[in-house]
C-alpha cells in the first residue's frame, strides 16, 4: 500500500474523532468539576486540531526530485 493511500485512510479516523468529541461534550461533562472538564476538553480539541492539520499536510505528499 502506498504512503499516499495510508495517509488517506486516516480520514475515517478523523471522522471518528469528531463523533467522539461530540459524545464527550454532550454526555460526559461533570457538573461537579466543570473547570477540569472544560480544561481537558480543550486539550482534546487541541489534539484533534493538530491531527486534522497532520491529515491535511499528508493528504497528497510531494517529494522533491
PDB file of N, CA and C in Angstrom:
ATOM      1  N   UNK A   1       0.847  -1.169   0.000  1.00  0.00           N
ATOM      2  CA  UNK A   1       0.000   0.000   0.000  1.00  0.00           C
ATOM      3  C   UNK A   1       0.899   1.241   0.000  1.00  0.00           C
ATOM      4  N   UNK A   2       0.571   2.188  -0.845  1.00  0.00           N
ATOM      5  CA  UNK A   2       1.402   3.381  -0.976  1.00  0.00           C
ATOM      6  C   UNK A   2       1.225   4.305   0.236  1.00  0.00           C
ATOM      7  N   UNK A   3       2.247   5.113   0.513  1.00  0.00           N
ATOM      8  CA  UNK A   3       2.120   6.051   1.646  1.00  0.00           C
ATOM      9  C   UNK A   3       0.948   7.018   1.474  1.00  0.00           C
ATOM     10  N   UNK A   4       0.659   7.413   0.229  1.00  0.00           N
ATOM     11  CA  UNK A   4      -0.474   8.303  -0.011  1.00  0.00           C
ATOM     12  C   UNK A   4      -1.768   7.628   0.416  1.00  0.00           C
ATOM     13  N   UNK A   5      -1.910   6.358   0.092  1.00  0.00           N
ATOM     14  CA  UNK A   5      -3.123   5.624   0.434  1.00  0.00           C
ATOM     15  C   UNK A   5      -3.250   5.454   1.951  1.00  0.00           C
ATOM     16  N   UNK A   6      -2.145   5.213   2.605  1.00  0.00           N
ATOM     17  CA  UNK A   6      -2.167   5.085   4.066  1.00  0.00           C
ATOM     18  C   UNK A   6      -2.622   6.397   4.688  1.00  0.00           C
ATOM     19  N   UNK A   7      -2.105   7.512   4.190  1.00  0.00           N
ATOM     20  CA  UNK A   7      -2.496   8.816   4.709  1.00  0.00           C
ATOM     21  C   UNK A   7      -3.976   9.079   4.476  1.00  0.00           C
ATOM     22  N   UNK A   8      -4.496   8.657   3.349  1.00  0.00           N
ATOM     23  CA  UNK A   8      -5.903   8.884   3.058  1.00  0.00           C
ATOM     24  C   UNK A   8      -6.806   7.972   3.878  1.00  0.00           C
ATOM     25  N   UNK A   9      -6.275   6.910   4.417  1.00  0.00           N
ATOM     26  CA  UNK A   9      -7.059   6.040   5.297  1.00  0.00           C
ATOM     27  C   UNK A   9      -7.253   6.668   6.678  1.00  0.00           C
ATOM     28  N   UNK A  10      -6.533   7.747   6.964  1.00  0.00           N
ATOM     29  CA  UNK A  10      -6.687   8.426   8.248  1.00  0.00           C
ATOM     30  C   UNK A  10      -7.966   9.253   8.320  1.00  0.00           C
ATOM     31  N   UNK A  11      -8.590   9.536   7.183  1.00  0.00           N
ATOM     32  CA  UNK A  11      -9.793  10.367   7.176  1.00  0.00           C
ATOM     33  C   UNK A  11     -10.929   9.726   7.977  1.00  0.00           C
ATOM     34  N   UNK A  12     -11.217   8.429   7.838  1.00  0.00           N
ATOM     35  CA  UNK A  12     -12.260   7.853   8.694  1.00  0.00           C
ATOM     36  C   UNK A  12     -11.922   7.945  10.180  1.00  0.00           C
ATOM     37  N   UNK A  13     -10.655   7.857  10.519  1.00  0.00           N
ATOM     38  CA  UNK A  13     -10.243   8.014  11.912  1.00  0.00           C
ATOM     39  C   UNK A  13     -10.556   9.436  12.376  1.00  0.00           C
ATOM     40  N   UNK A  14     -10.313  10.403  11.510  1.00  0.00           N
ATOM     41  CA  UNK A  14     -10.618  11.791  11.843  1.00  0.00           C
ATOM     42  C   UNK A  14     -12.115  11.977  12.060  1.00  0.00           C
ATOM     43  N   UNK A  15     -12.928  11.310  11.263  1.00  0.00           N
ATOM     44  CA  UNK A  15     -14.376  11.411  11.452  1.00  0.00           C
ATOM     45  C   UNK A  15     -14.807  10.772  12.774  1.00  0.00           C
ATOM     46  N   UNK A  16     -14.149   9.699  13.157  1.00  0.00           N
ATOM     47  CA  UNK A  16     -14.450   9.085  14.447  1.00  0.00           C
ATOM     48  C   UNK A  16     -14.077  10.017  15.604  1.00  0.00           C
ATOM     49  N   UNK A  17     -13.020  10.778  15.418  1.00  0.00           N
ATOM     50  CA  UNK A  17     -12.629  11.732  16.452  1.00  0.00           C
ATOM     51  C   UNK A  17     -13.704  12.800  16.618  1.00  0.00           C
ATOM     52  N   UNK A  18     -14.304  13.242  15.514  1.00  0.00           N
ATOM     53  CA  UNK A  18     -15.380  14.234  15.597  1.00  0.00           C
ATOM     54  C   UNK A  18     -16.572  13.654  16.360  1.00  0.00           C
ATOM     55  N   UNK A  19     -16.916  12.401  16.082  1.00  0.00           N
ATOM     56  CA  UNK A  19     -18.011  11.745  16.796  1.00  0.00           C
ATOM     57  C   UNK A  19     -17.672  11.631  18.277  1.00  0.00           C
ATOM     58  N   UNK A  20     -16.451  11.258  18.585  1.00  0.00           N
ATOM     59  CA  UNK A  20     -16.031  11.144  19.980  1.00  0.00           C
ATOM     60  C   UNK A  20     -16.125  12.489  20.701  1.00  0.00           C
ATOM     61  N   UNK A  21     -15.651  13.557  20.058  1.00  0.00           N
ATOM     62  CA  UNK A  21     -15.686  14.866  20.700  1.00  0.00           C
ATOM     63  C   UNK A  21     -17.125  15.331  20.935  1.00  0.00           C
ATOM     64  N   UNK A  22     -18.017  15.001  20.021  1.00  0.00           N
ATOM     65  CA  UNK A  22     -19.422  15.324  20.228  1.00  0.00           C
ATOM     66  C   UNK A  22     -20.008  14.560  21.394  1.00  0.00           C
ATOM     67  N   UNK A  23     -19.720  13.257  21.446  1.00  0.00           N
ATOM     68  CA  UNK A  23     -20.190  12.436  22.567  1.00  0.00           C
ATOM     69  C   UNK A  23     -19.636  12.960  23.884  1.00  0.00           C
ATOM     70  N   UNK A  24     -18.376  13.282  23.860  1.00  0.00           N
ATOM     71  CA  UNK A  24     -17.706  13.761  25.077  1.00  0.00           C
ATOM     72  C   UNK A  24     -18.332  15.052  25.577  1.00  0.00           C
ATOM     73  N   UNK A  25     -18.665  15.957  24.650  1.00  0.00           N
ATOM     74  CA  UNK A  25     -19.238  17.237  25.045  1.00  0.00           C
ATOM     75  C   UNK A  25     -20.669  17.091  25.546  1.00  0.00           C
ATOM     76  N   UNK A  26     -21.412  16.167  24.966  1.00  0.00           N
ATOM     77  CA  UNK A  26     -22.830  16.061  25.314  1.00  0.00           C
ATOM     78  C   UNK A  26     -23.116  15.186  26.529  1.00  0.00           C
ATOM     79  N   UNK A  27     -22.307  14.153  26.755  1.00  0.00           N
ATOM     80  CA  UNK A  27     -22.692  13.161  27.750  1.00  0.00           C
ATOM     81  C   UNK A  27     -21.718  12.947  28.900  1.00  0.00           C
ATOM     82  N   UNK A  28     -20.508  13.429  28.808  1.00  0.00           N
ATOM     83  CA  UNK A  28     -19.542  13.053  29.847  1.00  0.00           C
ATOM     84  C   UNK A  28     -19.026  14.220  30.675  1.00  0.00           C
ATOM     85  N   UNK A  29     -19.526  15.434  30.462  1.00  0.00           N
ATOM     86  CA  UNK A  29     -19.066  16.553  31.281  1.00  0.00           C
ATOM     87  C   UNK A  29     -19.627  16.414  32.696  1.00  0.00           C
ATOM     88  N   UNK A  30     -18.772  16.597  33.661  1.00  0.00           N
ATOM     89  CA  UNK A  30     -19.172  16.538  35.057  1.00  0.00           C
ATOM     90  C   UNK A  30     -19.456  17.949  35.549  1.00  0.00           C
ATOM     91  N   UNK A  31     -20.652  18.161  36.048  1.00  0.00           N
ATOM     92  CA  UNK A  31     -21.004  19.484  36.556  1.00  0.00           C
ATOM     93  C   UNK A  31     -20.318  19.784  37.879  1.00  0.00           C
ATOM     94  N   UNK A  32     -19.896  18.742  38.594  1.00  0.00           N
ATOM     95  CA  UNK A  32     -19.213  18.942  39.874  1.00  0.00           C
ATOM     96  C   UNK A  32     -17.822  19.536  39.687  1.00  0.00           C
ATOM     97  N   UNK A  33     -17.175  19.183  38.606  1.00  0.00           N
ATOM     98  CA  UNK A  33     -15.825  19.692  38.345  1.00  0.00           C
ATOM     99  C   UNK A  33     -15.768  20.251  36.920  1.00  0.00           C
ATOM    100  N   UNK A  34     -16.587  21.231  36.653  1.00  0.00           N
ATOM    101  CA  UNK A  34     -16.689  21.797  35.308  1.00  0.00           C
ATOM    102  C   UNK A  34     -15.368  22.400  34.851  1.00  0.00           C
ATOM    103  N   UNK A  35     -14.616  22.991  35.767  1.00  0.00           N
ATOM    104  CA  UNK A  35     -13.332  23.586  35.403  1.00  0.00           C
ATOM    105  C   UNK A  35     -12.403  22.552  34.773  1.00  0.00           C
ATOM    106  N   UNK A  36     -12.279  21.398  35.401  1.00  0.00           N
ATOM    107  CA  UNK A  36     -11.403  20.365  34.865  1.00  0.00           C
ATOM    108  C   UNK A  36     -11.979  19.751  33.592  1.00  0.00           C
ATOM    109  N   UNK A  37     -13.280  19.595  33.537  1.00  0.00           N
ATOM    110  CA  UNK A  37     -13.908  19.027  32.345  1.00  0.00           C
ATOM    111  C   UNK A  37     -13.642  19.912  31.133  1.00  0.00           C
ATOM    112  N   UNK A  38     -13.800  21.211  31.301  1.00  0.00           N
ATOM    113  CA  UNK A  38     -13.555  22.138  30.190  1.00  0.00           C
ATOM    114  C   UNK A  38     -12.076  22.160  29.834  1.00  0.00           C
ATOM    115  N   UNK A  39     -11.223  22.134  30.829  1.00  0.00           N
ATOM    116  CA  UNK A  39      -9.784  22.144  30.580  1.00  0.00           C
ATOM    117  C   UNK A  39      -9.350  20.914  29.769  1.00  0.00           C
ATOM    118  N   UNK A  40      -9.810  19.749  30.185  1.00  0.00           N
ATOM    119  CA  UNK A  40      -9.448  18.535  29.454  1.00  0.00           C
ATOM    120  C   UNK A  40     -10.107  18.478  28.081  1.00  0.00           C
ATOM    121  N   UNK A  41     -11.302  19.007  27.959  1.00  0.00           N
ATOM    122  CA  UNK A  41     -11.961  19.034  26.658  1.00  0.00           C
ATOM    123  C   UNK A  41     -11.208  19.948  25.695  1.00  0.00           C
ATOM    124  N   UNK A  42     -10.732  21.078  26.188  1.00  0.00           N
ATOM    125  CA  UNK A  42      -9.925  21.958  25.345  1.00  0.00           C
ATOM    126  C   UNK A  42      -8.633  21.273  24.911  1.00  0.00           C
ATOM    127  N   UNK A  43      -8.039  20.493  25.801  1.00  0.00           N
ATOM    128  CA  UNK A  43      -6.837  19.742  25.432  1.00  0.00           C
ATOM    129  C   UNK A  43      -7.157  18.710  24.349  1.00  0.00           C
ATOM    130  N   UNK A  44      -8.313  18.057  24.456  1.00  0.00           N
ATOM    131  CA  UNK A  44      -8.712  17.094  23.428  1.00  0.00           C
ATOM    132  C   UNK A  44      -9.008  17.792  22.109  1.00  0.00           C
ATOM    133  N   UNK A  45      -9.615  18.967  22.168  1.00  0.00           N
ATOM    134  CA  UNK A  45      -9.854  19.738  20.940  1.00  0.00           C
ATOM    135  C   UNK A  45      -8.538  20.133  20.283  1.00  0.00           C
ATOM    136  N   UNK A  46      -7.573  20.514  21.087  1.00  0.00           N
ATOM    137  CA  UNK A  46      -6.261  20.861  20.538  1.00  0.00           C
ATOM    138  C   UNK A  46      -5.624  19.654  19.845  1.00  0.00           C
ATOM    139  N   UNK A  47      -5.685  18.501  20.484  1.00  0.00           N
ATOM    140  CA  UNK A  47      -5.135  17.293  19.878  1.00  0.00           C
ATOM    141  C   UNK A  47      -5.836  16.935  18.580  1.00  0.00           C
ATOM    142  N   UNK A  48      -7.153  17.087  18.548  1.00  0.00           N
ATOM    143  CA  UNK A  48      -7.899  16.795  17.321  1.00  0.00           C
ATOM    144  C   UNK A  48      -7.525  17.784  16.221  1.00  0.00           C
ATOM    145  N   UNK A  49      -7.376  19.047  16.581  1.00  0.00           N
ATOM    146  CA  UNK A  49      -6.996  20.066  15.603  1.00  0.00           C
ATOM    147  C   UNK A  49      -5.625  19.764  15.010  1.00  0.00           C
ATOM    148  N   UNK A  50      -4.685  19.383  15.850  1.00  0.00           N
ATOM    149  CA  UNK A  50      -3.345  19.036  15.371  1.00  0.00           C
ATOM    150  C   UNK A  50      -3.412  17.804  14.471  1.00  0.00           C
ATOM    151  N   UNK A  51      -4.252  16.831  14.818  1.00  0.00           N
ATOM    152  CA  UNK A  51      -4.405  15.645  13.978  1.00  0.00           C
ATOM    153  C   UNK A  51      -4.999  16.002  12.619  1.00  0.00           C
ATOM    154  N   UNK A  52      -5.994  16.900  12.608  1.00  0.00           N
ATOM    155  CA  UNK A  52      -6.564  17.332  11.333  1.00  0.00           C
ATOM    156  C   UNK A  52      -5.536  18.055  10.480  1.00  0.00           C
ATOM    157  N   UNK A  53      -4.703  18.872  11.105  1.00  0.00           N
ATOM    158  CA  UNK A  53      -3.633  19.525  10.350  1.00  0.00           C
ATOM    159  C   UNK A  53      -2.655  18.504   9.781  1.00  0.00           C
ATOM    160  N   UNK A  54      -2.348  17.485  10.563  1.00  0.00           N
ATOM    161  CA  UNK A  54      -1.476  16.415  10.078  1.00  0.00           C
ATOM    162  C   UNK A  54      -2.092  15.719   8.870  1.00  0.00           C
ATOM    163  N   UNK A  55      -3.380  15.403   8.952  1.00  0.00           N
ATOM    164  CA  UNK A  55      -4.061  14.758   7.819  1.00  0.00           C
ATOM    165  C   UNK A  55      -4.041  15.657   6.591  1.00  0.00           C
ATOM    166  N   UNK A  56      -4.269  16.948   6.792  1.00  0.00           N
ATOM    167  CA  UNK A  56      -4.261  17.895   5.686  1.00  0.00           C
ATOM    168  C   UNK A  56      -2.888  17.968   5.036  1.00  0.00           C
ATOM    169  N   UNK A  57      -1.857  18.014   5.849  1.00  0.00           N
ATOM    170  CA  UNK A  57      -0.491  18.118   5.324  1.00  0.00           C
ATOM    171  C   UNK A  57      -0.044  16.853   4.602  1.00  0.00           C
ATOM    172  N   UNK A  58      -0.505  15.710   5.030  1.00  0.00           N
ATOM    173  CA  UNK A  58      -0.035  14.451   4.439  1.00  0.00           C
ATOM    174  C   UNK A  58      -1.012  13.865   3.431  1.00  0.00           C
ATOM    175  N   UNK A  59      -2.082  14.592   3.100  1.00  0.00           N
ATOM    176  CA  UNK A  59      -3.075  14.067   2.161  1.00  0.00           C
ATOM    177  C   UNK A  59      -2.442  13.760   0.808  1.00  0.00           C
ATOM    178  N   UNK A  60      -1.673  14.673   0.298  1.00  0.00           N
ATOM    179  CA  UNK A  60      -1.030  14.460  -1.001  1.00  0.00           C
ATOM    180  C   UNK A  60       0.427  14.879  -0.885  1.00  0.00           C
ATOM    181  N   UNK A  61       1.272  13.980  -0.412  1.00  0.00           N
ATOM    182  CA  UNK A  61       2.684  14.344  -0.218  1.00  0.00           C
ATOM    183  C   UNK A  61       3.387  14.558  -1.549  1.00  0.00           C
ATOM    184  N   UNK A  62       4.216  15.574  -1.600  1.00  0.00           N
ATOM    185  CA  UNK A  62       5.021  15.864  -2.784  1.00  0.00           C
ATOM    186  C   UNK A  62       6.473  15.759  -2.384  1.00  0.00           C
ATOM    187  N   UNK A  63       7.183  14.896  -3.048  1.00  0.00           N
ATOM    188  CA  UNK A  63       8.582  14.662  -2.726  1.00  0.00           C
ATOM    189  C   UNK A  63       9.455  15.413  -3.742  1.00  0.00           C
ATOM    190  N   UNK A  64      10.421  16.178  -3.276  1.00  0.00           N
ATOM    191  CA  UNK A  64      11.294  16.886  -4.213  1.00  0.00           C
ATOM    192  C   UNK A  64      12.163  15.910  -4.987  1.00  0.00           C
ATOM    193  N   UNK A  65      12.482  16.294  -6.174  1.00  0.00           N
ATOM    194  CA  UNK A  65      13.309  15.416  -7.027  1.00  0.00           C
ATOM    195  C   UNK A  65      14.771  15.539  -6.681  1.00  0.00           C
TER     196      UNK A  65
END
